[in-house]
């Protein structure tokens, strides 16, 4: 089974994907836009919005989409994306870059479970946590 976080936005999907790609690297799949489907009744404001795009990072996937306006995303605290990073340098770099415009919930710090950990809500309203397990 493959579990994939699917992140929804209200018109900022393309900006968000570019932001995450710039930090995490990886490969962006072909971008599907709402105008790519054959729907003659598609509202004009939806035409250039993202219907679906994937970001693959080290064999892991993130899916992204703009909503159609009838099911707007509700920013909440019920889902958090956790990144387990491989080095102390990588956690510090990723956390610092993701902090741009973010609300810091927990600065990066040493924890009782032997890790460096931090958490934030990014400028798009997505909650993230970051963990680097020390040896």
Foldseek 3Di string as FASTA:
>chain_A
DADEAEEEAAQCFVVVVVLVCVLQPADKDDWDFPLNDPDPPQDPVRRGFTQWMWGAHPNHIYIYGYDSPPCHDDQDDPDEAEDEDADPVSLVRSVVSQCVLKAWPAPFDQDPQQWTKTWIQGNRRHIYIYIYHDD
